[in-house]
Amino acid sequence: MLRRYSYVPKSEIAPVSRVFVNRSLMLEKVKFYGFDMDYTLAVYKSPDYEALGFNLIRDKLCEMGYPEAIADFEYDPSFPIRHDIHNIYPNKFDVLFATEYVHRKDGPLKAETIKGKEKYVIKDDRLPILLDRMRARGTKVFIATNSDYMYTNKIMSYLLDYDPTRSWTSYFDFIVCDARKPLFFSEGTILRQVDRETGALKIGSHTGPIQSGHIYSGGSVDVFSEIMGAFDKEILYVGDHIFGDILKSKKVRGWRTFLVVPELAQELLVWTDKRQLFAQLEDLDVMIGEIYKNLDSSCQNKPDISKIQHSIRFLASSDLKLENFHT
C-alpha cells in the first residue's frame, strides 16, 4: 500500500490477506489515514473474545432473574455473529440491556479485556512499522474511536510497546476518543481535551489547532476536518462498522473508506476450498436458467429438470461425505 512492490499473482496471496475494491483509489492522493480502534487496530482473538462477551451477558441475565439453568449455556461460534444476539431471543429488551451493560465503558467486558490483554487481543509487530511508514511519506495518521481514553490508552499501549522510548501517541498526529460515531459524522458533540494522567475532560470546548500527542474527546467531523485542514477526499478511514464507520463517513463527508470484516475470513477459506464444487453447481444452475428463460405464462408443459436436480444433490452429498470422512 505504501511502497512499490513487484507484482504478486493473486493466486499466491492467501484469501484472508487480500484487499477487495469496488472502485480505483490512487493512494498518493490520500493525505490523511484514519483508524477506528476496536476490531481495526485492536483485533480481538476469536472465538475467545466472543465467548468472554457471551459469558458476561449470560451471567448478567442470571443476576436479573433468569433461570440458573442458562448459566450452563456455552458459546457456539456458529450461532450469533457479534451484534445479532438480541435479535434471536424473545425478551429482546432484557438481552439488549444486559448487552449494553456489559459493553459500556465502565462495564465488565472492557475490564476483563484489560486484565487479559494477552489472551484476548492480537499483537502484531508490523503495526508500528506500518504507522511510521505512513507518516514518513508526509501523510497524517489519526484515530477516531468510540472507546473512552482510559481503555484506549491501555489497549494502544499494549499494541505499540515495542520501543520503550516512545509513547503510543507518538505514532499518531491526531487522537480522538469518545467520538460517539455515527453522531460524530453529523452534529457531533463538544470537542474537549483529555487530561492524560486522570482521563478527566478539561473544562470548556477546545479551540485552536489540535496538537500532536494530545488526546481529545468528542467533537464532530466538521470541526475535526477544519482543524486538521483536510479536504474530504484526502481522507481514507479504516473501520469495522458498516454504518457507524463507513456509510456515515462516506455519505456525509465523502471520505474514502476501508471496511474491515473479520467474519469474511472463514467465508473466503470455504470459497477457496470449495471453488470447484461451486463452479459445478453454478453451471447446473445456469442450465436450469437456460431451460426456463423462454417460457411464459402460456406454457402448459413443465420442463423436466430432474436429471439436473439429481446432479445437484449428488454433488452436494458427495462433498458432505468427503468432509465427514476427513473429520
Protein backbone atom coordinates (compact mmCIF):
# COMPACT_ATOMS: atom_id res chain seq x y z
CA MET A 1 0.00 0.00 0.00
CA LEU A 2 2.78 2.42 0.88
CA ARG A 3 5.72 1.18 -1.18
CA ARG A 4 6.19 -0.12 -4.69
CA TYR A 5 6.33 -3.90 -4.65
CA SER A 6 6.89 -6.33 -7.51
CA TYR A 7 3.69 -7.81 -8.84
CA VAL A 8 2.44 -10.83 -6.90
CA PRO A 9 -0.14 -13.06 -8.65
CA LYS A 10 -3.47 -13.15 -6.83
CA SER A 11 -3.26 -16.94 -6.63
CA GLU A 12 -0.20 -16.62 -4.39
CA ILE A 13 -1.93 -14.35 -1.86
CA ALA A 14 -3.93 -16.02 0.89
CA PRO A 15 -7.63 -15.09 0.60
CA VAL A 16 -7.68 -13.65 4.13
CA SER A 17 -4.81 -11.29 3.18
CA ARG A 18 -6.44 -9.83 0.08
CA VAL A 19 -7.97 -6.37 -0.26
CA PHE A 20 -11.18 -6.16 -2.29
CA VAL A 21 -12.15 -2.92 -4.03
CA ASN A 22 -15.24 -1.63 -5.78
CA ARG A 23 -13.50 1.34 -7.39
CA SER A 24 -9.99 2.53 -8.14
CA LEU A 25 -8.21 4.58 -5.48
CA MET A 26 -4.98 6.49 -6.01
CA LEU A 27 -3.25 6.26 -2.65
CA GLU A 28 -0.84 9.07 -3.47
CA LYS A 29 -3.84 11.41 -3.24
CA VAL A 30 -4.59 10.29 0.32
CA LYS A 31 -3.12 12.77 2.81
CA PHE A 32 -4.84 11.52 5.97
CA TYR A 33 -5.20 7.92 7.16
CA GLY A 34 -7.77 7.46 9.90
CA PHE A 35 -8.42 4.38 12.00
CA ASP A 36 -11.07 3.09 14.32
CA MET A 37 -9.54 1.12 17.19
CA ASP A 38 -11.78 -1.81 18.17
CA TYR A 39 -11.73 -4.63 15.60
CA THR A 40 -9.47 -2.49 13.38
CA LEU A 41 -6.16 -1.59 15.03
CA ALA A 42 -7.07 -3.75 18.01
CA VAL A 43 -8.10 -7.12 16.60
CA TYR A 44 -9.66 -9.41 19.16
CA LYS A 45 -8.98 -13.14 19.23
CA SER A 46 -11.87 -15.26 18.02
CA PRO A 47 -13.65 -17.19 19.43
CA ASP A 48 -12.11 -16.40 22.85
CA TYR A 49 -13.28 -12.79 22.88
CA GLU A 50 -16.81 -13.57 21.69
CA ALA A 51 -17.01 -16.29 24.34
CA LEU A 52 -16.00 -13.74 27.00
CA GLY A 53 -18.75 -11.35 25.94
CA PHE A 54 -21.30 -14.19 25.78
CA ASN A 55 -20.42 -15.41 29.28
CA LEU A 56 -20.64 -11.91 30.76
CA ILE A 57 -24.06 -11.30 29.18
CA ARG A 58 -25.26 -14.74 30.30
CA ASP A 59 -24.14 -14.05 33.87
CA LYS A 60 -25.84 -10.64 33.86
CA LEU A 61 -29.11 -12.23 32.74
CA CYS A 62 -28.84 -14.64 35.68
CA GLU A 63 -28.38 -11.65 38.00
CA MET A 64 -31.53 -10.13 36.50
CA GLY A 65 -33.60 -13.18 37.47
CA TYR A 66 -33.29 -15.50 34.51
CA PRO A 67 -33.27 -19.25 35.36
CA GLU A 68 -29.97 -20.51 36.76
CA ALA A 69 -30.06 -23.23 34.09
CA ILE A 70 -28.82 -20.75 31.49
CA ALA A 71 -25.56 -20.50 33.44
CA ASP A 72 -24.66 -23.82 31.80
CA PHE A 73 -25.02 -22.34 28.30
CA GLU A 74 -21.77 -22.22 26.35
CA TYR A 75 -20.81 -20.01 23.44
CA ASP A 76 -21.30 -21.56 20.00
CA PRO A 77 -19.16 -19.78 17.34
CA SER A 78 -21.53 -20.90 14.58
CA PHE A 79 -24.56 -19.24 16.19
CA PRO A 80 -24.94 -15.43 16.51
CA ILE A 81 -22.42 -13.10 14.90
CA ARG A 82 -21.32 -10.12 17.01
CA HIS A 83 -24.30 -7.74 17.18
CA ASP A 84 -27.11 -10.19 16.34
CA ILE A 85 -27.66 -11.95 19.68
CA HIS A 86 -30.54 -9.69 20.79
CA ASN A 87 -32.44 -10.38 17.54
CA ILE A 88 -32.78 -14.10 18.33
CA TYR A 89 -34.38 -14.13 21.76
CA PRO A 90 -37.98 -13.16 22.60
CA ASN A 91 -37.12 -10.91 25.58
CA LYS A 92 -35.06 -8.57 23.43
CA PHE A 93 -35.13 -5.68 25.89
CA ASP A 94 -33.63 -7.77 28.69
CA VAL A 95 -30.91 -9.13 26.44
CA LEU A 96 -30.27 -5.69 24.96
CA PHE A 97 -29.98 -4.17 28.43
CA ALA A 98 -27.55 -6.88 29.52
CA THR A 99 -25.53 -6.41 26.32
CA GLU A 100 -25.32 -2.64 26.78
CA TYR A 101 -24.35 -3.09 30.45
CA VAL A 102 -21.53 -5.48 29.56
CA HIS A 103 -20.21 -3.26 26.74
CA ARG A 104 -20.39 0.16 28.40
CA LYS A 105 -17.11 1.92 29.15
CA ASP A 106 -17.17 1.01 32.85
CA GLY A 107 -18.64 -2.41 32.17
CA PRO A 108 -17.09 -5.83 32.78
CA LEU A 109 -16.10 -6.54 29.15
CA LYS A 110 -13.55 -3.73 28.99
CA ALA A 111 -12.29 -4.53 32.48
CA GLU A 112 -11.77 -8.20 31.63
CA THR A 113 -10.16 -7.30 28.31
CA ILE A 114 -7.60 -5.08 30.02
CA LYS A 115 -6.85 -7.79 32.61
CA GLY A 116 -6.42 -10.43 29.90
CA LYS A 117 -4.91 -8.45 27.02
CA GLU A 118 -2.56 -11.29 26.06
CA LYS A 119 -5.49 -13.71 25.86
CA TYR A 120 -7.95 -11.52 24.01
CA VAL A 121 -6.02 -9.01 21.86
CA ILE A 122 -3.86 -9.91 18.85
CA LYS A 123 -0.48 -8.21 18.91
CA ASP A 124 1.25 -7.60 15.58
CA ASP A 125 4.80 -6.25 15.43
CA ARG A 126 4.12 -4.91 11.90
CA LEU A 127 1.69 -2.28 13.22
CA PRO A 128 4.25 0.31 14.42
CA ILE A 129 6.21 -0.18 11.18
CA LEU A 130 3.10 0.50 9.10
CA LEU A 131 2.16 3.63 11.06
CA ASP A 132 5.70 5.03 10.86
CA ARG A 133 5.90 4.38 7.12
CA MET A 134 2.62 6.20 6.56
CA ARG A 135 3.84 9.28 8.39
CA ALA A 136 7.30 9.12 6.80
CA ARG A 137 5.65 9.84 3.45
CA GLY A 138 4.23 13.08 4.79
CA THR A 139 0.70 11.82 5.36
CA LYS A 140 -1.09 12.36 8.67
CA VAL A 141 -2.44 9.48 10.75
CA PHE A 142 -5.28 9.74 13.26
CA ILE A 143 -7.55 7.63 15.47
CA ALA A 144 -11.25 8.31 15.89
CA THR A 145 -12.65 5.71 18.28
CA ASN A 146 -15.80 5.41 20.35
CA SER A 147 -13.83 3.90 23.23
CA ASP A 148 -13.00 6.13 26.18
CA TYR A 149 -9.46 7.36 26.78
CA MET A 150 -8.60 5.07 29.72
CA TYR A 151 -9.45 1.93 27.75
CA THR A 152 -7.85 3.25 24.54
CA ASN A 153 -4.67 4.10 26.44
CA LYS A 154 -4.39 0.59 27.91
CA ILE A 155 -5.02 -1.22 24.62
CA MET A 156 -2.88 1.00 22.39
CA SER A 157 -0.02 0.97 24.93
CA TYR A 158 -0.10 -2.82 24.74
CA LEU A 159 -0.18 -2.88 20.93
CA LEU A 160 2.64 -0.34 20.49
CA ASP A 161 5.03 -1.08 23.34
CA TYR A 162 7.91 -2.33 21.15
CA ASP A 163 10.03 0.79 21.62
CA PRO A 164 10.38 1.66 25.34
CA THR A 165 11.45 5.21 24.44
CA ARG A 166 8.16 6.01 22.68
CA SER A 167 4.59 6.52 23.80
CA TRP A 168 1.87 5.01 21.64
CA THR A 169 0.58 8.52 20.98
CA SER A 170 3.78 9.33 19.05
CA TYR A 171 2.58 7.10 16.21
CA PHE A 172 -0.40 9.39 15.52
CA ASP A 173 -0.87 13.03 14.60
CA PHE A 174 -4.43 13.33 15.96
CA ILE A 175 -6.28 11.23 18.55
CA VAL A 176 -10.00 11.42 19.30
CA CYS A 177 -11.66 9.18 21.89
CA ASP A 178 -15.35 9.06 22.84
CA ALA A 179 -16.12 10.09 19.26
CA ARG A 180 -19.69 8.77 19.56
CA LYS A 181 -19.88 7.68 15.93
CA PRO A 182 -22.14 7.90 13.95
CA LEU A 183 -23.12 11.12 15.81
CA PHE A 184 -19.57 12.32 15.15
CA PHE A 185 -20.37 12.44 11.43
CA SER A 186 -23.42 14.68 11.89
CA GLU A 187 -23.97 17.28 14.61
CA GLY A 188 -21.35 15.75 16.91
CA THR A 189 -20.58 16.83 20.48
CA ILE A 190 -18.30 19.37 22.16
CA LEU A 191 -14.61 18.82 21.41
CA ARG A 192 -12.66 18.76 24.67
CA GLN A 193 -9.09 17.95 25.62
CA VAL A 194 -8.40 14.94 27.85
CA ASP A 195 -6.06 15.01 30.83
CA ARG A 196 -3.71 12.12 30.08
CA GLU A 197 -2.96 11.47 33.74
CA THR A 198 -6.50 11.24 35.07
CA GLY A 199 -8.61 10.73 31.95
CA ALA A 200 -10.78 13.69 33.02
CA LEU A 201 -12.07 16.14 30.42
CA LYS A 202 -10.82 19.70 30.62
CA ILE A 203 -13.44 22.36 31.19
CA GLY A 204 -14.82 24.12 28.13
CA SER A 205 -14.75 23.44 24.42
CA HIS A 206 -11.32 23.11 22.82
CA THR A 207 -10.36 25.94 20.49
CA GLY A 208 -7.36 26.41 18.27
CA PRO A 209 -5.33 23.78 16.46
CA ILE A 210 -5.20 20.14 17.51
CA GLN A 211 -1.73 19.32 18.81
CA SER A 212 0.14 16.10 18.14
CA GLY A 213 0.49 13.98 21.28
CA HIS A 214 -2.63 15.44 22.89
CA ILE A 215 -5.83 13.47 23.38
CA TYR A 216 -9.27 14.83 22.53
CA SER A 217 -12.78 13.70 23.30
CA GLY A 218 -15.94 14.07 21.24
CA GLY A 219 -16.17 16.73 18.59
CA SER A 220 -17.64 16.45 15.11
CA VAL A 221 -16.35 15.69 11.66
CA ASP A 222 -16.82 19.33 10.60
CA VAL A 223 -14.73 20.72 13.46
CA PHE A 224 -12.18 17.93 13.21
CA SER A 225 -11.69 18.31 9.44
CA GLU A 226 -11.39 22.08 9.71
CA ILE A 227 -8.78 21.87 12.46
CA MET A 228 -6.80 19.23 10.54
CA GLY A 229 -7.04 21.27 7.36
CA ALA A 230 -8.30 18.23 5.49
CA PHE A 231 -10.41 18.05 2.36
CA ASP A 232 -12.92 15.20 2.39
CA LYS A 233 -11.50 13.07 -0.43
CA GLU A 234 -8.00 13.32 1.01
CA ILE A 235 -9.04 11.10 3.93
CA LEU A 236 -9.07 7.29 3.93
CA TYR A 237 -10.82 5.98 7.03
CA VAL A 238 -10.50 2.35 8.14
CA GLY A 239 -13.17 0.82 10.36
CA ASP A 240 -15.21 -2.31 11.01
CA HIS A 241 -18.74 -0.91 11.48
CA ILE A 242 -20.65 -0.66 8.21
CA PHE A 243 -22.97 2.08 9.50
CA GLY A 244 -21.02 3.91 12.20
CA ASP A 245 -17.66 3.94 10.39
CA ILE A 246 -18.26 3.50 6.68
CA LEU A 247 -21.67 4.66 5.45
CA LYS A 248 -21.87 7.82 7.53
CA SER A 249 -18.32 8.98 6.82
CA LYS A 250 -18.81 8.27 3.12
CA LYS A 251 -22.26 9.82 2.67
CA VAL A 252 -21.95 12.80 4.98
CA ARG A 253 -18.37 13.83 4.24
CA GLY A 254 -17.25 11.90 1.18
CA TRP A 255 -14.34 10.26 2.98
CA ARG A 256 -12.67 7.33 1.27
CA THR A 257 -13.44 4.22 3.29
CA PHE A 258 -11.90 0.83 4.03
CA LEU A 259 -14.17 -1.75 5.70
CA VAL A 260 -12.63 -4.45 7.89
CA VAL A 261 -14.80 -7.60 8.02
CA PRO A 262 -13.05 -10.32 10.05
CA GLU A 263 -16.03 -12.66 9.70
CA LEU A 264 -15.31 -12.95 5.97
CA ALA A 265 -12.02 -14.76 6.61
CA GLN A 266 -13.75 -18.11 7.16
CA GLU A 267 -16.10 -17.48 4.22
CA LEU A 268 -13.12 -16.86 1.94
CA LEU A 269 -11.40 -20.02 3.10
CA VAL A 270 -14.53 -22.04 2.39
CA TRP A 271 -14.94 -20.39 -1.00
CA THR A 272 -11.34 -21.15 -1.96
CA ASP A 273 -11.53 -24.75 -0.73
CA LYS A 274 -14.86 -25.41 -2.47
CA ARG A 275 -14.26 -23.36 -5.62
CA GLN A 276 -14.56 -26.34 -7.99
CA LEU A 277 -17.77 -27.51 -6.34
CA PHE A 278 -19.30 -24.03 -6.53
CA ALA A 279 -18.36 -23.75 -10.20
CA GLN A 280 -20.07 -27.07 -10.97
CA LEU A 281 -23.19 -26.05 -9.04
CA GLU A 282 -23.23 -22.70 -10.85
CA ASP A 283 -23.04 -24.46 -14.22
CA LEU A 284 -26.01 -26.62 -13.29
CA ASP A 285 -27.94 -23.56 -12.13
CA VAL A 286 -27.23 -21.87 -15.47
CA MET A 287 -28.55 -24.97 -17.26
CA ILE A 288 -31.84 -24.66 -15.37
CA GLY A 289 -32.00 -20.98 -16.27
CA GLU A 290 -31.46 -21.75 -19.94
CA ILE A 291 -34.35 -24.24 -19.90
CA TYR A 292 -36.76 -21.76 -18.30
CA LYS A 293 -35.72 -18.49 -19.93
CA ASN A 294 -38.00 -18.72 -22.98
CA LEU A 295 -41.10 -19.89 -21.09
CA ASP A 296 -44.04 -17.58 -20.35
CA SER A 297 -47.48 -17.80 -18.75
CA SER A 298 -48.94 -19.58 -21.81
CA CYS A 299 -46.70 -22.61 -21.38
CA GLN A 300 -48.61 -25.74 -20.35
CA ASN A 301 -45.79 -28.26 -20.13
CA LYS A 302 -43.44 -28.27 -17.18
CA PRO A 303 -39.80 -28.77 -18.22
CA ASP A 304 -38.09 -31.88 -16.93
CA ILE A 305 -35.12 -30.80 -14.83
CA SER A 306 -35.00 -33.93 -12.69
CA LYS A 307 -31.60 -35.03 -14.05
CA ILE A 308 -30.08 -31.65 -13.24
CA GLN A 309 -31.60 -31.70 -9.75
CA HIS A 310 -30.19 -35.20 -9.25
CA SER A 311 -26.75 -33.95 -10.27
CA ILE A 312 -27.00 -31.08 -7.77
CA ARG A 313 -27.97 -33.45 -4.96
CA PHE A 314 -25.21 -35.85 -5.94
CA LEU A 315 -22.53 -33.14 -5.86
CA ALA A 316 -23.72 -31.78 -2.51
CA SER A 317 -23.98 -35.21 -0.86
CA SER A 318 -20.60 -36.34 -2.21
CA ASP A 319 -18.93 -33.27 -0.77
CA LEU A 320 -20.62 -33.82 2.60
CA LYS A 321 -19.48 -37.46 2.71
CA LEU A 322 -15.91 -36.39 1.91
CA GLU A 323 -15.96 -33.84 4.75
CA ASN A 324 -17.28 -36.45 7.20
CA PHE A 325 -14.56 -38.85 6.10
CA HIS A 326 -11.81 -36.32 6.86
CA THR A 327 -13.30 -35.37 10.23
